[in-house]
């Protein structure tokens, strides 16, 4: 991978005006608003001063493609006491700057600060509209909106549309996915340091809110430092560093390099605001990361997707209530049915703008368990089977024809379809299925009937998701009763089976091996009714499975090709290994691209 040279970085910036002598000074005074369109003038802060103005948050919900939307940010904050929720800064999902600028439908389906949506151009003054979801000052702050882009002017125009409804705008320089390569954005801009500088500087000079940036590390400390200095010199108030290379994704993800982030912390000016990203699986990892890197805050992506309560400390022994389960060995976590409930409650209350339905209290052993048994499947009415009639397909066609006649000569049905096609999907409803596959990953691996129903649910059908919740609650209640009946042995036996299978499959015995995921699995493993991280095998393990293989180079002797002697992330290639996921789909179909 080519790294930007310090000469290239320096040549991109000589004519650029300098930033203030210290990053804690006010950069300028601009007209910013509180999101309600009243145009209150306030100073535009920079760097440390800006970070302190939003409460010096320690935890960060990462920008994730279609997965860090309003409802998920609210869910992640909900596990903290209300007084502490300002400790979490949320990022929007990554937005494509040109699409956001040019497509009203894209804007409305990805960002909803008001019910009326955003205009095609940034108006002055901003219309008086009541705050709705994204960036609502009462419930969704601090908020940073992230864009991917490769055009400074388009980026600025898109950023101006969201500036009244957020605390800052972030430039994505870390997305490693193939779509980013094809679109030339994200991590595939890191060779063009001049363009990166111009985009950040354009936002810094022209936006009423600060600009931030998220990068990945490069192959050497020197190149990474030059990259970080270029981003900060251009005007970024906060620098987020993902401690992985661009090539580290999928089976090659491996471990993030906290020491590289520590090097930046120790080398950059002390007032630099630095966020660290990578290796966060459990709550305890947050403080370890802060201590190891010296960062001001820590960002979580996949750890947060698996456990939206990751930023909250576990309740004390005896204070678990019904939402948090703690086993006989003292280890525990948030129950999947409890988190599922919280999530649906937020969608009912804020997105559907209705009160959640009345439900029975979450089950605990000792409660009435008469409802726990699985209900009998509905019996099909076979009374007409003995009567001769048209086949089912013919019956369906006749029913459709009758419906068209009832709608007025056949036009009404088509009109209804067209009307349905015009409905703009909510980003919060679009994300439900993928979120639930993450939350329920360990449950559905055991209860495949839940997986199959989840795969078939229609977007936005909250009543159907409520039915699925009831099914999940019943499964969890059965698991809790079995745990109590066997005095915990049901889980112990399951853990032993999993451990044996893992050793046989991966043939990894040493949990202290830095290239083994055994220790992480052992530390994070919980019963299937507890939310827990999805742990990827490390590259060495993926190589042993055949999921990846070393790239081959031409044989210097001119005969065939030979593998590279010491393969690294950039020396590997992924081998397609199809695995069955939900309802027979590849697991990648329910995976999330993390920006």
Protein backbone atom coordinates (compact mmCIF):
# COMPACT_ATOMS: atom_id res chain seq x y z
CA UNK A 1 0.00 0.00 0.00
CA UNK A 2 1.41 3.34 -0.95
CA UNK A 3 1.74 5.80 1.92
CA UNK A 4 1.67 9.58 1.55
CA UNK A 5 5.12 11.02 1.87
CA UNK A 6 5.81 13.92 4.17
CA UNK A 7 6.89 15.95 1.10
CA UNK A 8 3.52 15.38 -0.55
CA UNK A 9 1.77 16.40 2.64
CA UNK A 10 3.82 19.54 2.99
CA UNK A 11 3.32 20.58 -0.62
CA UNK A 12 -0.43 20.45 -0.19
CA UNK A 13 -0.50 23.17 2.46
CA UNK A 14 2.02 26.02 1.99
CA UNK A 15 -0.40 28.65 0.66
CA UNK A 16 -3.10 27.70 3.14
CA UNK A 17 -3.83 30.17 5.93
CA UNK A 18 -2.68 29.07 9.35
CA UNK A 19 -5.02 27.95 12.08
CA UNK A 20 -5.09 29.84 15.37
CA UNK A 21 -1.96 29.53 17.45
CA UNK A 22 -3.75 27.15 19.79
CA UNK A 23 -6.63 24.91 18.94
CA UNK A 24 -8.55 26.05 22.00
CA UNK A 25 -9.16 29.51 20.57
CA UNK A 26 -12.33 30.50 18.78
CA UNK A 27 -11.81 30.11 15.05
CA UNK A 28 -14.56 32.44 13.93
CA UNK A 29 -18.02 33.68 14.72
CA UNK A 30 -20.74 32.21 12.55
CA UNK A 31 -24.49 31.90 12.53
CA UNK A 32 -25.22 28.49 13.99
CA UNK A 33 -28.60 27.36 15.19
CA UNK A 34 -30.04 25.06 17.76
CA UNK A 35 -31.95 23.09 15.14
CA UNK A 36 -35.22 24.96 15.48
CA UNK A 37 -34.40 27.54 12.83
CA UNK A 38 -34.10 30.59 15.08
CA UNK A 39 -30.67 31.54 13.72
CA UNK A 40 -29.08 32.42 17.06
CA UNK A 41 -25.55 33.67 16.44
CA UNK A 42 -22.90 31.94 18.49
CA UNK A 43 -19.15 31.61 18.17
CA UNK A 44 -17.77 28.73 16.16
CA UNK A 45 -15.34 26.93 18.43
CA UNK A 46 -12.38 24.81 17.39
CA UNK A 47 -10.48 21.85 18.76
CA UNK A 48 -10.41 21.47 22.54
CA UNK A 49 -12.80 24.38 23.08
CA UNK A 50 -15.37 22.73 20.81
CA UNK A 51 -14.90 19.34 22.48
CA UNK A 52 -15.44 20.85 25.91
CA UNK A 53 -18.49 22.78 24.68
CA UNK A 54 -20.30 19.50 23.87
CA UNK A 55 -19.55 18.06 27.30
CA UNK A 56 -16.19 16.30 26.70
CA UNK A 57 -17.86 12.97 25.85
CA UNK A 58 -15.84 9.81 26.57
CA UNK A 59 -17.81 7.35 24.44
CA UNK A 60 -18.70 7.45 20.75
CA UNK A 61 -21.32 5.59 18.72
CA UNK A 62 -19.39 5.02 15.49
CA UNK A 63 -20.69 6.08 12.06
CA UNK A 64 -21.95 2.89 10.45
CA UNK A 65 -23.55 2.52 7.04
CA UNK A 66 -27.34 2.49 7.60
CA UNK A 67 -26.82 1.36 11.21
CA UNK A 68 -26.05 4.32 13.50
CA UNK A 69 -29.41 5.98 12.88
CA UNK A 70 -31.43 8.00 15.41
CA UNK A 71 -33.18 5.05 17.11
CA UNK A 72 -29.89 3.18 17.57
CA UNK A 73 -28.17 6.24 19.03
CA UNK A 74 -31.09 6.67 21.42
CA UNK A 75 -30.93 3.00 22.40
CA UNK A 76 -27.19 3.24 23.07
CA UNK A 77 -27.68 6.27 25.32
CA UNK A 78 -30.65 4.77 27.15
CA UNK A 79 -28.54 2.42 29.28
CA UNK A 80 -26.84 5.34 31.03
CA UNK A 81 -28.56 7.48 33.67
CA UNK A 82 -30.16 10.49 32.03
CA UNK A 83 -27.64 12.80 33.67
CA UNK A 84 -24.75 10.89 32.04
CA UNK A 85 -26.09 10.53 28.51
CA UNK A 86 -24.05 13.53 27.38
CA UNK A 87 -20.99 11.30 27.81
CA UNK A 88 -21.96 9.65 24.52
CA UNK A 89 -21.55 11.48 21.22
CA UNK A 90 -23.39 9.87 18.35
CA UNK A 91 -22.40 9.86 14.69
CA UNK A 92 -24.94 9.61 11.91
CA UNK A 93 -24.63 6.81 9.37
CA UNK A 94 -22.18 7.64 6.59
CA UNK A 95 -24.00 9.79 4.01
CA UNK A 96 -22.94 10.11 0.38
CA UNK A 97 -22.42 13.85 -0.16
CA UNK A 98 -23.46 14.07 -3.81
CA UNK A 99 -26.50 11.84 -3.35
CA UNK A 100 -27.52 13.79 -0.27
CA UNK A 101 -27.19 17.05 -2.19
CA UNK A 102 -28.97 15.98 -5.37
CA UNK A 103 -31.70 13.60 -4.20
CA UNK A 104 -34.57 14.81 -1.97
CA UNK A 105 -35.66 11.18 -1.55
CA UNK A 106 -32.18 10.17 -0.35
CA UNK A 107 -32.16 13.05 2.16
CA UNK A 108 -35.58 12.21 3.55
CA UNK A 109 -34.82 8.51 3.82
CA UNK A 110 -31.50 9.08 5.64
CA UNK A 111 -31.82 12.23 7.77
CA UNK A 112 -34.99 13.51 9.44
CA UNK A 113 -34.34 16.57 11.62
CA UNK A 114 -37.84 17.88 10.88
CA UNK A 115 -41.03 16.26 9.65
CA UNK A 116 -40.89 18.48 6.56
CA UNK A 117 -37.45 17.23 5.54
CA UNK A 118 -34.53 19.29 4.25
CA UNK A 119 -34.76 21.83 1.40
CA UNK A 120 -32.83 21.55 -1.87
CA UNK A 121 -30.65 24.50 -0.92
CA UNK A 122 -29.56 26.02 2.35
CA UNK A 123 -32.12 28.79 3.03
CA UNK A 124 -31.41 31.99 4.89
CA UNK A 125 -33.10 32.36 7.28
CA UNK A 126 -33.82 28.73 8.11
CA UNK A 127 -37.58 27.97 8.11
CA UNK A 128 -39.22 27.58 11.50
CA UNK A 129 -39.91 23.85 11.79
CA UNK A 130 -40.28 21.89 15.00
CA UNK A 131 -37.37 19.50 15.67
CA UNK A 132 -38.21 15.88 14.95
CA UNK A 133 -35.60 13.11 15.22
CA UNK A 134 -32.03 13.57 13.95
CA UNK A 135 -30.21 16.25 15.89
CA UNK A 136 -33.21 17.15 18.05
CA UNK A 137 -31.59 19.39 20.71
CA UNK A 138 -33.69 17.84 23.47
CA UNK A 139 -32.81 14.20 22.85
CA UNK A 140 -30.17 13.63 20.13
CA UNK A 141 -27.11 15.67 21.06
CA UNK A 142 -24.22 15.77 20.77
CA UNK A 143 -24.47 14.63 17.14
CA UNK A 144 -21.85 14.61 14.39
CA UNK A 145 -23.03 14.00 10.82
CA UNK A 146 -20.60 12.08 8.60
CA UNK A 147 -20.21 12.36 4.83
CA UNK A 148 -18.10 10.50 2.30
CA UNK A 149 -16.99 12.65 -0.63
CA UNK A 150 -14.26 13.42 -3.14
CA UNK A 151 -15.49 16.85 -4.30
CA UNK A 152 -14.93 19.82 -1.93
CA UNK A 153 -17.78 21.89 -3.38
CA UNK A 154 -20.36 19.09 -3.26
CA UNK A 155 -19.24 18.21 0.25
CA UNK A 156 -19.66 21.80 1.41
CA UNK A 157 -23.11 22.16 -0.15
CA UNK A 158 -24.30 18.92 1.46
CA UNK A 159 -22.75 19.83 4.80
CA UNK A 160 -24.51 23.20 4.84
CA UNK A 161 -27.86 21.41 4.69
CA UNK A 162 -27.20 19.49 7.92
CA UNK A 163 -25.16 22.12 9.78
CA UNK A 164 -28.18 23.66 11.56
CA UNK A 165 -29.08 20.27 13.02
CA UNK A 166 -25.76 18.92 14.33
CA UNK A 167 -22.72 19.87 16.38
CA UNK A 168 -20.12 19.10 13.70
CA UNK A 169 -19.65 17.53 10.26
CA UNK A 170 -17.23 14.62 9.82
CA UNK A 171 -15.34 13.52 6.70
CA UNK A 172 -15.11 9.75 6.27
CA UNK A 173 -11.55 8.76 5.35
CA UNK A 174 -11.74 5.25 6.80
CA UNK A 175 -14.26 3.18 4.83
CA UNK A 176 -12.33 0.19 3.37
CA UNK A 177 -15.18 -1.46 1.47
CA UNK A 178 -15.17 -2.22 -2.25
CA UNK A 179 -17.90 0.35 -2.89
CA UNK A 180 -15.58 3.02 -1.47
CA UNK A 181 -12.83 1.90 -3.85
CA UNK A 182 -15.19 2.13 -6.82
CA UNK A 183 -16.54 5.49 -5.72
CA UNK A 184 -13.09 6.82 -4.72
CA UNK A 185 -13.90 7.90 -1.21
CA UNK A 186 -13.20 6.82 2.35
CA UNK A 187 -9.87 5.07 2.88
CA UNK A 188 -9.19 5.13 -0.87
CA UNK A 189 -8.40 8.84 -0.71
CA UNK A 190 -5.42 8.42 1.60
CA UNK A 191 -2.95 8.59 -1.29
CA UNK A 192 -4.36 12.01 -2.28
CA UNK A 193 -3.40 14.12 0.71
CA UNK A 194 -3.89 17.37 -1.21
CA UNK A 195 -7.54 16.58 -1.92
CA UNK A 196 -8.08 15.58 1.72
CA UNK A 197 -6.60 18.88 2.83
CA UNK A 198 -8.79 20.89 0.44
CA UNK A 199 -12.01 19.16 1.52
CA UNK A 200 -11.37 19.66 5.23
CA UNK A 201 -10.16 23.24 4.72
CA UNK A 202 -13.24 24.06 2.61
CA UNK A 203 -15.52 22.93 5.42
CA UNK A 204 -13.42 24.61 8.08
CA UNK A 205 -13.51 27.96 6.28
CA UNK A 206 -17.17 27.94 5.24
CA UNK A 207 -19.28 25.94 7.68
CA UNK A 208 -20.90 27.45 10.79
CA UNK A 209 -20.00 24.28 12.74
CA UNK A 210 -16.64 22.54 13.20
CA UNK A 211 -15.31 19.81 10.93
CA UNK A 212 -13.87 16.50 12.15
CA UNK A 213 -12.31 13.54 10.34
CA UNK A 214 -11.92 9.78 10.78
CA UNK A 215 -8.86 8.03 9.33
CA UNK A 216 -7.16 4.63 9.34
CA UNK A 217 -3.52 4.11 10.20
CA UNK A 218 -0.88 3.63 7.51
CA UNK A 219 1.94 1.11 7.43
CA UNK A 220 4.53 3.20 9.32
CA UNK A 221 4.43 5.58 12.25
CA UNK A 222 5.99 8.32 10.17
CA UNK A 223 3.42 8.08 7.38
CA UNK A 224 0.54 7.92 9.87
CA UNK A 225 1.85 10.96 11.72
CA UNK A 226 2.19 12.96 8.49
CA UNK A 227 -1.37 11.97 7.57
CA UNK A 228 -2.74 13.06 10.97
CA UNK A 229 -0.82 16.35 10.82
CA UNK A 230 -2.25 17.10 7.38
CA UNK A 231 -5.82 16.52 8.58
CA UNK A 232 -5.31 18.71 11.67
CA UNK A 233 -3.51 21.44 9.74
CA UNK A 234 -6.43 21.59 7.34
CA UNK A 235 -8.76 22.45 10.22
CA UNK A 236 -10.15 19.28 11.79
CA UNK A 237 -11.28 19.88 15.37
CA UNK A 238 -11.34 16.18 16.27
CA UNK A 239 -9.27 13.37 14.77
CA UNK A 240 -10.62 9.83 15.05
CA UNK A 241 -8.07 7.11 14.37
CA UNK A 242 -9.11 3.55 13.56
CA UNK A 243 -6.08 1.48 14.47
CA UNK A 244 -6.26 -0.79 11.43
CA UNK A 245 -4.89 -0.64 7.92
CA UNK A 246 -7.17 -0.24 4.91
CA UNK A 247 -6.64 -3.92 4.05
CA UNK A 248 -7.82 -5.09 7.48
CA UNK A 249 -11.45 -5.98 6.84
CA UNK A 250 -13.59 -9.11 6.74
CA UNK A 251 -11.51 -12.20 7.55
CA UNK A 252 -8.41 -9.99 7.55
CA UNK A 253 -9.73 -7.63 10.23
CA UNK A 254 -7.36 -8.79 12.95
CA UNK A 255 -6.49 -6.59 15.92
CA UNK A 256 -6.34 -2.79 15.93
CA UNK A 257 -2.98 -1.24 16.81
CA UNK A 258 -3.48 0.79 19.97
CA UNK A 259 0.24 1.54 20.13
CA UNK A 260 0.04 3.46 16.87
CA UNK A 261 -2.71 5.62 18.36
CA UNK A 262 -0.56 6.09 21.48
CA UNK A 263 2.30 7.26 19.27
CA UNK A 264 0.05 9.92 17.75
CA UNK A 265 -1.15 10.97 21.20
CA UNK A 266 2.43 11.42 22.40
CA UNK A 267 3.66 13.14 19.24
CA UNK A 268 0.83 15.48 18.25
CA UNK A 269 0.25 18.72 20.20
CA UNK A 270 -1.16 18.05 23.67
CA UNK A 271 -4.37 19.99 22.91
CA UNK A 272 -5.27 17.72 19.97
CA UNK A 273 -8.63 16.01 20.52
CA UNK A 274 -8.17 12.34 19.65
CA UNK A 275 -10.75 9.58 19.45
CA UNK A 276 -9.58 5.93 19.37
CA UNK A 277 -11.40 3.18 17.44
CA UNK A 278 -10.86 -0.59 17.40
CA UNK A 279 -10.80 -3.72 19.62
CA UNK A 280 -13.88 -2.85 21.72
CA UNK A 281 -15.81 -6.00 22.56
CA UNK A 282 -16.99 -5.41 26.15
CA UNK A 283 -17.47 -2.53 28.56
CA UNK A 284 -14.13 -3.19 30.25
CA UNK A 285 -12.32 -2.65 26.96
CA UNK A 286 -13.36 1.03 26.95
CA UNK A 287 -11.21 2.05 29.92
CA UNK A 288 -8.37 -0.20 28.75
CA UNK A 289 -8.38 1.56 25.40
CA UNK A 290 -8.41 5.02 26.96
CA UNK A 291 -5.50 4.07 29.23
CA UNK A 292 -3.48 2.41 26.46
CA UNK A 293 -3.95 5.11 23.82
CA UNK A 294 -4.32 8.27 25.90
CA UNK A 295 -7.27 9.21 23.68
CA UNK A 296 -9.93 11.66 24.82
CA UNK A 297 -12.74 9.28 23.87
CA UNK A 298 -13.22 5.78 22.51
CA UNK A 299 -15.43 4.85 19.56
CA UNK A 300 -17.23 1.53 19.19
CA UNK A 301 -18.73 0.12 16.01
CA UNK A 302 -19.26 -3.65 15.90
CA UNK A 303 -19.10 -3.95 19.69
CA UNK A 304 -21.91 -1.44 19.92
CA UNK A 305 -23.94 -3.24 17.24
CA UNK A 306 -23.78 -6.46 19.23
CA UNK A 307 -24.37 -4.71 22.56
CA UNK A 308 -25.90 -1.22 22.51
CA UNK A 309 -25.47 -1.17 26.30
CA UNK A 310 -21.69 -1.45 25.99
CA UNK A 311 -21.09 2.10 27.27
CA UNK A 312 -22.94 1.46 30.56
CA UNK A 313 -21.23 -0.14 33.55
CA UNK A 314 -22.88 -3.40 34.69
CA UNK A 315 -25.27 -2.92 37.63
CA UNK A 316 -24.01 -3.85 41.06
CA UNK A 317 -24.72 -7.31 42.43
CA UNK A 318 -28.29 -7.29 43.71
CA UNK A 319 -29.31 -4.36 41.50
CA UNK A 320 -29.75 -6.31 38.27
CA UNK A 321 -33.52 -5.95 38.11
CA UNK A 322 -35.23 -7.82 35.29
CA UNK A 323 -33.18 -6.51 32.36
CA UNK A 324 -29.72 -7.65 33.42
CA UNK A 325 -28.93 -11.34 34.01
CA UNK A 326 -26.06 -12.49 36.20
CA UNK A 327 -25.14 -16.17 36.38
CA UNK A 328 -24.00 -18.28 39.29
CA UNK A 329 -20.38 -17.63 38.28
CA UNK A 330 -20.93 -13.87 38.66
CA UNK A 331 -20.72 -13.13 34.93
CA UNK A 332 -23.66 -11.67 33.08
CA UNK A 333 -25.04 -9.21 30.59
CA UNK A 334 -28.16 -7.52 29.26
CA UNK A 335 -30.93 -9.94 28.32
CA UNK A 336 -31.80 -10.03 24.63
CA UNK A 337 -35.53 -9.77 25.29
CA UNK A 338 -34.96 -6.68 27.46
CA UNK A 339 -32.88 -4.93 24.80
CA UNK A 340 -35.36 -5.93 22.08
CA UNK A 341 -38.12 -4.33 24.19
CA UNK A 342 -36.18 -1.11 24.69
CA UNK A 343 -35.53 -0.88 20.98
CA UNK A 344 -39.19 -1.36 20.04
CA UNK A 345 -40.29 1.12 22.69
CA UNK A 346 -38.10 3.81 21.14
CA UNK A 347 -39.43 3.07 17.66
CA UNK A 348 -43.02 3.24 18.88
CA UNK A 349 -42.52 6.43 20.87
CA UNK A 350 -40.36 8.50 18.55
CA UNK A 351 -40.71 7.12 15.02
CA UNK A 352 -44.33 5.93 15.02
CA UNK A 353 -45.24 8.64 17.58
CA UNK A 354 -47.44 6.34 19.62
CA UNK A 355 -47.23 4.77 23.05
CA UNK A 356 -45.73 1.26 23.15
CA UNK A 357 -48.23 -1.55 23.71
CA UNK A 358 -48.90 -2.87 27.20
CA UNK A 359 -46.81 -5.98 27.88
CA UNK A 360 -46.36 -8.33 30.81
CA UNK A 361 -43.28 -7.69 32.96
CA UNK A 362 -40.10 -9.37 31.77
CA UNK A 363 -40.08 -12.92 33.08
CA UNK A 364 -37.97 -14.00 36.00
CA UNK A 365 -37.89 -17.48 37.57
CA UNK A 366 -40.52 -17.51 40.28
CA UNK A 367 -43.07 -15.64 38.19
CA UNK A 368 -46.19 -17.32 36.85
CA UNK A 369 -44.89 -19.43 33.96
CA UNK A 370 -48.19 -20.66 32.56
CA UNK A 371 -47.69 -18.65 29.37
CA UNK A 372 -44.15 -19.91 28.71
CA UNK A 373 -45.10 -23.11 26.87
CA UNK A 374 -44.98 -22.76 23.10
CA UNK A 375 -48.48 -22.12 21.71
CA UNK A 376 -49.86 -24.74 19.38
CA UNK A 377 -49.52 -23.77 15.70
CA UNK A 378 -52.79 -22.58 14.16
CA UNK A 379 -54.76 -25.37 12.52
CA UNK A 380 -55.56 -24.84 8.86
CA UNK A 381 -59.21 -25.02 7.92
CA UNK A 382 -59.43 -28.12 5.78
CA UNK A 383 -63.19 -28.14 5.58
CA UNK A 384 -63.17 -27.20 1.90
CA UNK A 385 -60.49 -29.67 0.91
CA UNK A 386 -63.07 -32.34 0.16
CA UNK A 387 -65.03 -29.98 -2.05
CA UNK A 388 -63.92 -29.77 -5.63
CA UNK A 389 -62.92 -26.30 -6.74
CA UNK A 390 -60.29 -24.34 -8.62
CA UNK A 391 -56.66 -24.79 -7.58
CA UNK A 392 -55.10 -22.34 -5.11
CA UNK A 393 -53.41 -20.29 -7.87
CA UNK A 394 -56.75 -19.86 -9.63
CA UNK A 395 -58.40 -18.86 -6.35
CA UNK A 396 -55.72 -16.21 -5.81
CA UNK A 397 -56.21 -14.80 -9.31
CA UNK A 398 -59.98 -14.64 -8.78
CA UNK A 399 -59.49 -12.84 -5.47
CA UNK A 400 -57.20 -10.27 -7.11
CA UNK A 401 -59.71 -9.69 -9.93
CA UNK A 402 -62.49 -9.20 -7.39
CA UNK A 403 -60.34 -6.70 -5.47
CA UNK A 404 -59.67 -4.73 -8.66
CA UNK A 405 -63.38 -4.56 -9.40
CA UNK A 406 -64.04 -3.30 -5.89
CA UNK A 407 -61.41 -0.59 -6.43
CA UNK A 408 -63.19 0.67 -9.54
CA UNK A 409 -62.58 -1.19 -12.75
CA UNK A 410 -59.06 -2.37 -12.01
CA UNK A 411 -57.38 1.03 -11.71
CA UNK A 412 -57.64 1.34 -7.94
CA UNK A 413 -55.31 -1.53 -7.17
CA UNK A 414 -52.59 -0.07 -9.39
CA UNK A 415 -53.15 3.35 -7.86
CA UNK A 416 -52.69 1.89 -4.40
CA UNK A 417 -49.47 0.24 -5.52
CA UNK A 418 -48.21 3.54 -6.90
CA UNK A 419 -49.22 5.30 -3.71
CA UNK A 420 -47.33 2.68 -1.70
CA UNK A 421 -44.27 3.11 -3.91
CA UNK A 422 -44.21 6.83 -3.07
CA UNK A 423 -43.90 6.20 0.66
CA UNK A 424 -40.45 7.28 1.83
CA UNK A 425 -38.98 4.66 4.16
CA UNK A 426 -37.77 5.78 7.56
CA UNK A 427 -34.05 5.10 8.13
CA UNK A 428 -35.03 3.88 11.60
CA UNK A 429 -37.43 1.26 10.24
CA UNK A 430 -35.13 0.19 7.40
CA UNK A 431 -32.41 -0.72 9.92
CA UNK A 432 -34.53 -2.92 12.19
CA UNK A 433 -33.92 -6.30 10.62
CA UNK A 434 -30.14 -5.96 10.43
CA UNK A 435 -29.97 -4.70 14.00
CA UNK A 436 -32.01 -7.61 15.28
CA UNK A 437 -29.87 -10.15 13.46
CA UNK A 438 -26.91 -8.70 15.36
CA UNK A 439 -28.67 -8.62 18.72
CA UNK A 440 -30.16 -12.09 18.35
CA UNK A 441 -27.18 -13.71 16.63
CA UNK A 442 -26.48 -16.18 19.44
CA UNK A 443 -30.15 -16.85 20.13
CA UNK A 444 -31.05 -17.60 16.50
CA UNK A 445 -28.10 -19.98 16.15
CA UNK A 446 -29.96 -22.14 18.64
CA UNK A 447 -33.56 -21.24 17.80
CA UNK A 448 -33.65 -21.24 14.03
CA UNK A 449 -37.42 -20.73 13.97
CA UNK A 450 -36.84 -17.21 15.31
CA UNK A 451 -34.26 -16.63 12.58
CA UNK A 452 -36.62 -17.78 9.85
CA UNK A 453 -39.45 -15.51 11.02
CA UNK A 454 -37.14 -12.51 11.40
CA UNK A 455 -35.87 -13.01 7.85
CA UNK A 456 -39.41 -12.75 6.49
CA UNK A 457 -40.63 -9.70 8.42
CA UNK A 458 -41.65 -6.69 6.37
CA UNK A 459 -39.99 -3.34 6.89
CA UNK A 460 -41.85 -1.13 9.34
CA UNK A 461 -44.41 -3.75 10.41
CA UNK A 462 -44.15 -3.00 14.12
CA UNK A 463 -47.03 -5.34 14.98
CA UNK A 464 -45.15 -8.25 13.41
CA UNK A 465 -41.98 -7.31 15.29
CA UNK A 466 -44.04 -7.25 18.50
CA UNK A 467 -45.10 -10.82 17.75
CA UNK A 468 -41.46 -11.77 17.24
CA UNK A 469 -40.60 -10.11 20.56
CA UNK A 470 -43.21 -12.27 22.30
CA UNK A 471 -41.63 -15.33 20.72
CA UNK A 472 -38.15 -14.25 21.88
CA UNK A 473 -39.44 -13.59 25.40
CA UNK A 474 -40.87 -17.10 25.53
CA UNK A 475 -37.54 -18.62 24.40
CA UNK A 476 -35.63 -16.63 27.02
CA UNK A 477 -38.07 -17.64 29.76
CA UNK A 478 -37.60 -21.29 28.81
CA UNK A 479 -33.82 -20.88 28.93
CA UNK A 480 -33.95 -19.22 32.35
CA UNK A 481 -36.20 -21.95 33.75
CA UNK A 482 -33.90 -24.67 32.41
CA UNK A 483 -30.89 -22.88 33.91
CA UNK A 484 -32.57 -22.82 37.33
CA UNK A 485 -33.84 -26.40 37.04
CA UNK A 486 -30.33 -27.74 36.32
CA UNK A 487 -28.61 -25.36 38.76
CA UNK A 488 -26.67 -23.81 35.88
CA UNK A 489 -25.47 -27.10 34.40
CA UNK A 490 -27.43 -26.55 31.17
CA UNK A 491 -25.16 -23.60 30.36
CA UNK A 492 -21.99 -25.32 31.58
CA UNK A 493 -22.64 -28.28 29.31
CA UNK A 494 -23.32 -25.98 26.36
CA UNK A 495 -20.10 -24.06 27.01
CA UNK A 496 -18.09 -27.30 27.12
CA UNK A 497 -19.56 -28.45 23.80
CA UNK A 498 -18.76 -25.09 22.20
CA UNK A 499 -15.21 -25.18 23.56
CA UNK A 500 -14.63 -28.72 22.28
CA UNK A 501 -16.00 -27.90 18.84
CA UNK A 502 -13.84 -24.79 18.60
CA UNK A 503 -10.67 -26.67 19.48
CA UNK A 504 -11.44 -29.44 17.02
CA UNK A 505 -12.26 -26.97 14.26
CA UNK A 506 -9.42 -24.52 14.73
CA UNK A 507 -6.91 -26.73 16.57
CA UNK A 508 -5.95 -23.76 18.74
CA UNK A 509 -4.94 -24.73 22.27
CA UNK A 510 -2.99 -21.74 23.57
CA UNK A 511 -5.26 -18.91 24.65
CA UNK A 512 -2.20 -16.69 25.21
CA UNK A 513 -1.33 -16.86 21.52
CA UNK A 514 -1.72 -13.25 20.26
CA UNK A 515 -2.90 -14.65 16.93
CA UNK A 516 -5.70 -16.66 18.55
CA UNK A 517 -9.24 -15.57 19.39
CA UNK A 518 -9.61 -18.27 22.08
CA UNK A 519 -9.06 -15.89 25.01
CA UNK A 520 -11.58 -13.36 23.66
CA UNK A 521 -14.18 -16.08 23.11
CA UNK A 522 -13.61 -17.43 26.62
CA UNK A 523 -13.93 -14.00 28.21
CA UNK A 524 -16.99 -12.92 26.23
CA UNK A 525 -18.98 -16.16 26.08
CA UNK A 526 -22.38 -15.93 27.74
CA UNK A 527 -25.60 -17.95 27.54
CA UNK A 528 -27.55 -17.42 24.35
CA UNK A 529 -30.18 -15.25 26.10
CA UNK A 530 -27.56 -12.58 26.87
CA UNK A 531 -26.36 -10.10 24.25
CA UNK A 532 -22.66 -10.58 23.54
CA UNK A 533 -20.10 -9.75 20.86
CA UNK A 534 -19.65 -11.59 17.60
CA UNK A 535 -15.95 -12.48 17.59
CA UNK A 536 -14.21 -12.81 14.26
CA UNK A 537 -11.47 -15.39 13.86
CA UNK A 538 -8.08 -13.74 13.56
CA UNK A 539 -6.25 -13.98 10.20
CA UNK A 540 -4.12 -16.96 11.32
CA UNK A 541 -7.28 -18.88 12.18
CA UNK A 542 -9.03 -17.80 8.99
CA UNK A 543 -5.98 -18.97 7.04
CA UNK A 544 -6.13 -22.37 8.76
CA UNK A 545 -9.81 -22.65 7.79
CA UNK A 546 -9.09 -21.78 4.17
CA UNK A 547 -11.23 -18.62 4.32
CA UNK A 548 -8.20 -16.62 3.16
CA UNK A 549 -5.01 -17.59 1.40
CA UNK A 550 -1.68 -15.91 0.68
CA UNK A 551 -1.43 -14.07 -2.60
CA UNK A 552 0.92 -15.70 -5.05
CA UNK A 553 3.69 -14.06 -7.03
CA UNK A 554 5.40 -15.22 -10.18
CA UNK A 555 8.09 -17.82 -9.64
CA UNK A 556 11.48 -16.18 -10.36
CA UNK A 557 12.44 -19.42 -12.11
CA UNK A 558 9.60 -18.85 -14.54
CA UNK A 559 7.66 -21.96 -13.55
CA UNK A 560 4.27 -21.50 -11.83
CA UNK A 561 3.61 -19.17 -8.92
CA UNK A 562 4.80 -19.27 -5.32
CA UNK A 563 3.17 -17.95 -2.12
CA UNK A 564 4.70 -15.00 -0.32
CA UNK A 565 6.95 -16.22 2.53
CA UNK A 566 5.57 -14.10 5.42
CA UNK A 567 2.02 -13.05 4.54
CA UNK A 568 0.57 -9.89 6.12
CA UNK A 569 -2.84 -8.27 5.72
CA UNK A 570 -1.80 -6.66 2.45
CA UNK A 571 -0.38 -9.97 1.21
CA UNK A 572 -3.60 -11.95 1.62
CA UNK A 573 -6.71 -12.45 -0.41
CA UNK A 574 -10.12 -13.69 0.62
CA UNK A 575 -11.37 -17.01 -0.63
CA UNK A 576 -15.14 -17.20 -1.03
CA UNK A 577 -16.47 -19.58 1.58
CA UNK A 578 -20.29 -19.44 1.45
CA UNK A 579 -22.02 -19.91 4.79
CA UNK A 580 -25.72 -20.20 5.38
CA UNK A 581 -27.23 -17.32 7.27
CA UNK A 582 -30.77 -16.19 7.84
CA UNK A 583 -33.26 -18.17 5.80
CA UNK A 584 -30.51 -19.66 3.66
CA UNK A 585 -28.98 -16.27 2.75
CA UNK A 586 -25.25 -15.71 3.01
CA UNK A 587 -24.34 -14.21 6.38
CA UNK A 588 -22.93 -11.21 4.53
CA UNK A 589 -26.49 -10.36 3.56
CA UNK A 590 -27.17 -9.34 7.13
CA UNK A 591 -23.72 -7.99 7.87
CA UNK A 592 -23.06 -4.28 8.28
CA UNK A 593 -20.41 -2.24 6.52
CA UNK A 594 -18.61 -0.32 9.24
CA UNK A 595 -17.30 3.07 8.24
